Amino acid sequence: KGKFYVRLERGDSHVMWGNYKAVIKGTEFMRSERALYGASAVYNSETTTSFGERKSEANLYAAQPDTLPQRDEFLGTGGSAYFLKQQDITIGSETVTVEYRDQVTGQVLERQTLVYGEDYTFDYLQGMLILKRPLSSSTGTSSPVREGALGGNKVYLITQYEYRPAFGEVDGYVYGGRVQHWFDEKVRIGVTGMNETT
């Protein structure tokens, strides 16, 4: 999106200026996935825990976006085509996941990230997502008593993407990041922060 791209790597860590996906994970309530053009830095320590997790991690980003973020949530319909709320979507900016939620509490029990080309196709201009296989509205249940007519857990399709507004220009900035460290095999402390002014 810009005039140049620079990426300096050392092991699994890097600093860069260019197009990237700012992905903040490690926390259930402050997940963020944005496609931006700007500065990004990722640090992954070489030492790991016995579970294979990096002992220390840092992920920081800053940008002046020319697009806006959008998150759409659909309950599975048994169909394959889903029309998003926005159009003129930035190519490659989408993150598509399927969430299985408890029918009573709404708690996310499982989350699967879908892969473009393998699991779905996308019409970026019209904002239409087509799954390769239909998405059911609920999962089967092995319980002798069902909570509803269909039973099982609810299935949701979640899409996060960037789009260019139909009128006006986007002005402002975004920045954020996450830093976390395992102090032993059972205690991890992490800090997440994000700010957007557009």
Protein backbone atom coordinates (compact mmCIF):
# COMPACT_ATOMS: atom_id res chain seq x y z
CA LYS A 1 0.00 0.00 0.00
CA GLY A 2 2.96 2.33 0.41
CA LYS A 3 6.12 3.38 -1.41
CA PHE A 4 8.46 0.90 0.25
CA TYR A 5 8.67 -2.25 2.34
CA VAL A 6 11.44 -3.11 4.82
CA ARG A 7 11.69 -6.19 7.04
CA LEU A 8 14.64 -7.06 9.28
CA GLU A 9 14.61 -10.54 10.82
CA ARG A 10 16.61 -12.36 13.43
CA GLY A 11 15.41 -15.86 14.24
CA ASP A 12 11.64 -15.75 14.78
CA SER A 13 11.68 -12.02 15.65
CA HIS A 14 11.48 -9.06 13.27
CA VAL A 15 10.84 -5.35 12.81
CA MET A 16 9.23 -4.06 9.66
CA TRP A 17 7.59 -1.24 7.77
CA GLY A 18 5.05 -2.31 5.17
CA ASN A 19 1.86 -4.33 4.83
CA TYR A 20 1.17 -6.75 7.67
CA LYS A 21 -1.58 -8.38 9.70
CA ALA A 22 -1.57 -7.16 13.30
CA VAL A 23 -2.73 -10.22 15.23
CA ILE A 24 -3.20 -9.91 18.99
CA LYS A 25 -3.88 -13.30 20.63
CA GLY A 26 -3.38 -14.81 24.05
CA THR A 27 -6.46 -13.23 25.58
CA GLU A 28 -10.10 -14.16 25.08
CA PHE A 29 -11.58 -10.67 25.44
CA MET A 30 -9.15 -8.42 23.52
CA ARG A 31 -8.49 -10.34 20.31
CA SER A 32 -7.60 -8.13 17.36
CA GLU A 33 -6.73 -8.93 13.76
CA ARG A 34 -6.18 -6.01 11.39
CA ALA A 35 -4.54 -5.63 7.99
CA LEU A 36 -2.47 -2.42 8.10
CA TYR A 37 0.37 -0.55 6.43
CA GLY A 38 2.85 0.89 8.90
CA ALA A 39 5.33 -0.21 11.58
CA SER A 40 5.33 -3.59 13.28
CA ALA A 41 7.66 -5.39 15.68
CA VAL A 42 7.50 -9.00 16.88
CA TYR A 43 9.78 -10.53 19.51
CA ASN A 44 9.77 -14.27 20.31
CA SER A 45 12.31 -15.58 22.82
CA GLU A 46 14.28 -18.64 21.77
CA THR A 47 13.61 -20.42 25.09
CA THR A 48 10.30 -22.24 25.48
CA THR A 49 8.25 -23.82 28.25
CA SER A 50 7.73 -27.59 28.50
CA PHE A 51 4.43 -27.05 26.62
CA GLY A 52 6.27 -25.53 23.65
CA GLU A 53 5.14 -21.94 24.37
CA ARG A 54 7.64 -19.10 23.96
CA LYS A 55 8.93 -17.95 27.36
CA SER A 56 8.58 -14.28 26.34
CA GLU A 57 6.63 -12.68 23.49
CA ALA A 58 5.96 -9.12 22.33
CA ASN A 59 3.87 -7.92 19.40
CA LEU A 60 3.61 -4.14 18.72
CA TYR A 61 2.15 -2.17 15.81
CA ALA A 62 1.38 1.40 14.70
CA ALA A 63 -0.18 2.74 11.50
CA GLN A 64 -2.21 5.47 9.83
CA PRO A 65 -4.94 3.34 8.23
CA ASP A 66 -6.83 4.29 5.10
CA THR A 67 -9.48 1.65 5.85
CA LEU A 68 -11.86 0.88 8.71
CA PRO A 69 -12.21 -2.41 10.61
CA GLN A 70 -15.46 -4.40 10.63
CA ARG A 71 -16.52 -7.56 12.46
CA ASP A 72 -19.57 -9.49 11.26
CA GLU A 73 -21.09 -12.43 13.10
CA PHE A 74 -23.50 -14.92 11.52
CA LEU A 75 -25.35 -17.84 13.05
CA GLY A 76 -24.88 -20.86 10.79
CA THR A 77 -27.86 -21.24 8.45
CA GLY A 78 -27.14 -24.58 6.80
CA GLY A 79 -26.15 -22.59 3.70
CA SER A 80 -22.86 -21.55 2.14
CA ALA A 81 -23.29 -17.89 1.07
CA TYR A 82 -22.97 -14.99 3.56
CA PHE A 83 -23.33 -11.31 2.65
CA LEU A 84 -21.18 -8.99 4.76
CA LYS A 85 -22.34 -5.60 6.03
CA GLN A 86 -19.71 -3.71 4.04
CA GLN A 87 -18.42 -3.76 0.46
CA ASP A 88 -15.13 -2.74 -1.21
CA ILE A 89 -13.17 -4.94 1.19
CA THR A 90 -9.38 -4.83 1.22
CA ILE A 91 -8.06 -7.94 -0.51
CA GLY A 92 -6.49 -10.40 1.93
CA SER A 93 -7.54 -8.45 5.03
CA GLU A 94 -10.15 -10.96 6.16
CA THR A 95 -9.88 -13.41 9.02
CA VAL A 96 -12.67 -15.99 8.95
CA THR A 97 -13.32 -18.28 11.92
CA VAL A 98 -16.00 -20.73 13.00
CA GLU A 99 -16.93 -20.65 16.69
CA TYR A 100 -18.78 -23.37 18.57
CA ARG A 101 -20.62 -21.83 21.54
CA ASP A 102 -22.50 -23.32 24.45
CA GLN A 103 -26.21 -23.02 23.72
CA VAL A 104 -27.03 -21.87 27.27
CA THR A 105 -24.09 -19.68 28.35
CA GLY A 106 -22.76 -18.53 24.96
CA GLN A 107 -19.20 -19.44 26.03
CA VAL A 108 -16.83 -20.19 23.14
CA LEU A 109 -15.97 -23.89 23.38
CA GLU A 110 -13.90 -24.17 20.19
CA ARG A 111 -12.59 -21.84 17.48
CA GLN A 112 -11.37 -22.86 14.02
CA THR A 113 -9.69 -20.47 11.58
CA LEU A 114 -10.67 -21.06 7.95
CA VAL A 115 -8.21 -20.87 5.05
CA TYR A 116 -8.89 -18.91 1.84
CA GLY A 117 -9.15 -21.22 -1.17
CA GLU A 118 -9.45 -24.39 0.91
CA ASP A 119 -12.47 -23.51 3.06
CA TYR A 120 -13.99 -20.44 1.37
CA THR A 121 -13.86 -17.97 -1.51
CA PHE A 122 -14.45 -14.22 -1.29
CA ASP A 123 -15.95 -11.58 -3.55
CA TYR A 124 -14.13 -8.51 -2.18
CA LEU A 125 -16.01 -5.95 -4.27
CA GLN A 126 -19.51 -7.11 -3.30
CA GLY A 127 -18.63 -8.33 0.19
CA MET A 128 -19.80 -11.91 -0.28
CA LEU A 129 -18.28 -14.95 1.43
CA ILE A 130 -18.93 -18.43 0.00
CA LEU A 131 -18.02 -21.49 2.07
CA LYS A 132 -16.88 -24.68 0.33
CA ARG A 133 -19.14 -26.70 2.68
CA PRO A 134 -22.46 -25.57 4.23
CA LEU A 135 -22.33 -24.42 7.86
CA SER A 136 -24.93 -25.99 10.15
CA SER A 137 -26.69 -23.86 12.79
CA SER A 138 -25.88 -26.32 15.59
CA THR A 139 -23.75 -29.34 16.37
CA GLY A 140 -25.05 -32.77 17.25
CA THR A 141 -25.52 -33.78 20.89
CA SER A 142 -24.85 -37.03 22.68
CA SER A 143 -26.94 -36.00 25.67
CA PRO A 144 -30.25 -37.83 26.27
CA VAL A 145 -31.91 -34.46 26.98
CA ARG A 146 -31.75 -31.67 24.38
CA GLU A 147 -31.86 -27.96 25.29
CA GLY A 148 -33.79 -27.05 22.14
CA ALA A 149 -35.45 -28.50 19.07
CA LEU A 150 -32.10 -28.95 17.30
CA GLY A 151 -29.98 -29.66 20.38
CA GLY A 152 -26.21 -29.31 20.55
CA ASN A 153 -24.10 -26.14 20.56
CA LYS A 154 -24.58 -23.08 18.37
CA VAL A 155 -22.25 -22.58 15.40
CA TYR A 156 -21.24 -19.03 14.38
CA LEU A 157 -19.27 -17.69 11.42
CA ILE A 158 -17.10 -14.72 12.43
CA THR A 159 -15.49 -12.45 9.82
CA GLN A 160 -13.07 -9.60 10.58
CA TYR A 161 -11.92 -7.44 7.68
CA GLU A 162 -10.91 -3.97 6.50
CA TYR A 163 -13.05 -1.91 4.14
CA ARG A 164 -12.86 1.43 2.39
CA PRO A 165 -15.83 3.67 3.26
CA ALA A 166 -18.07 4.73 0.36
CA PHE A 167 -17.82 8.45 1.23
CA GLY A 168 -14.94 10.47 2.63
CA GLU A 169 -11.37 9.63 3.55
CA VAL A 170 -10.13 7.81 6.64
CA ASP A 171 -7.81 9.94 8.77
CA GLY A 172 -6.21 9.11 12.11
CA TYR A 173 -3.96 6.48 13.62
CA VAL A 174 -3.99 3.11 15.35
CA TYR A 175 -1.48 1.47 17.65
CA GLY A 176 -1.37 -1.37 20.11
CA GLY A 177 0.27 -4.56 21.15
CA ARG A 178 0.69 -7.37 23.62
CA VAL A 179 3.58 -8.41 25.85
CA GLN A 180 3.55 -11.66 27.83
CA HIS A 181 5.98 -13.75 29.87
CA TRP A 182 5.84 -17.20 31.50
CA PHE A 183 7.28 -16.95 35.03
CA ASP A 184 7.13 -20.71 35.50
CA GLU A 185 5.24 -23.60 33.91
CA LYS A 186 1.89 -22.47 35.37
CA VAL A 187 1.94 -18.65 35.62
CA ARG A 188 1.81 -16.34 32.61
CA ILE A 189 1.42 -12.57 32.90
CA GLY A 190 0.39 -10.55 29.85
CA VAL A 191 -0.56 -6.97 29.04
CA THR A 192 -2.65 -6.00 26.01
CA GLY A 193 -3.44 -2.48 24.85
CA MET A 194 -4.99 -0.95 21.75
CA ASN A 195 -5.97 2.55 20.65
CA GLU A 196 -7.68 3.82 17.52
CA THR A 197 -8.49 7.38 16.51
CA THR A 198 -10.10 7.54 13.05
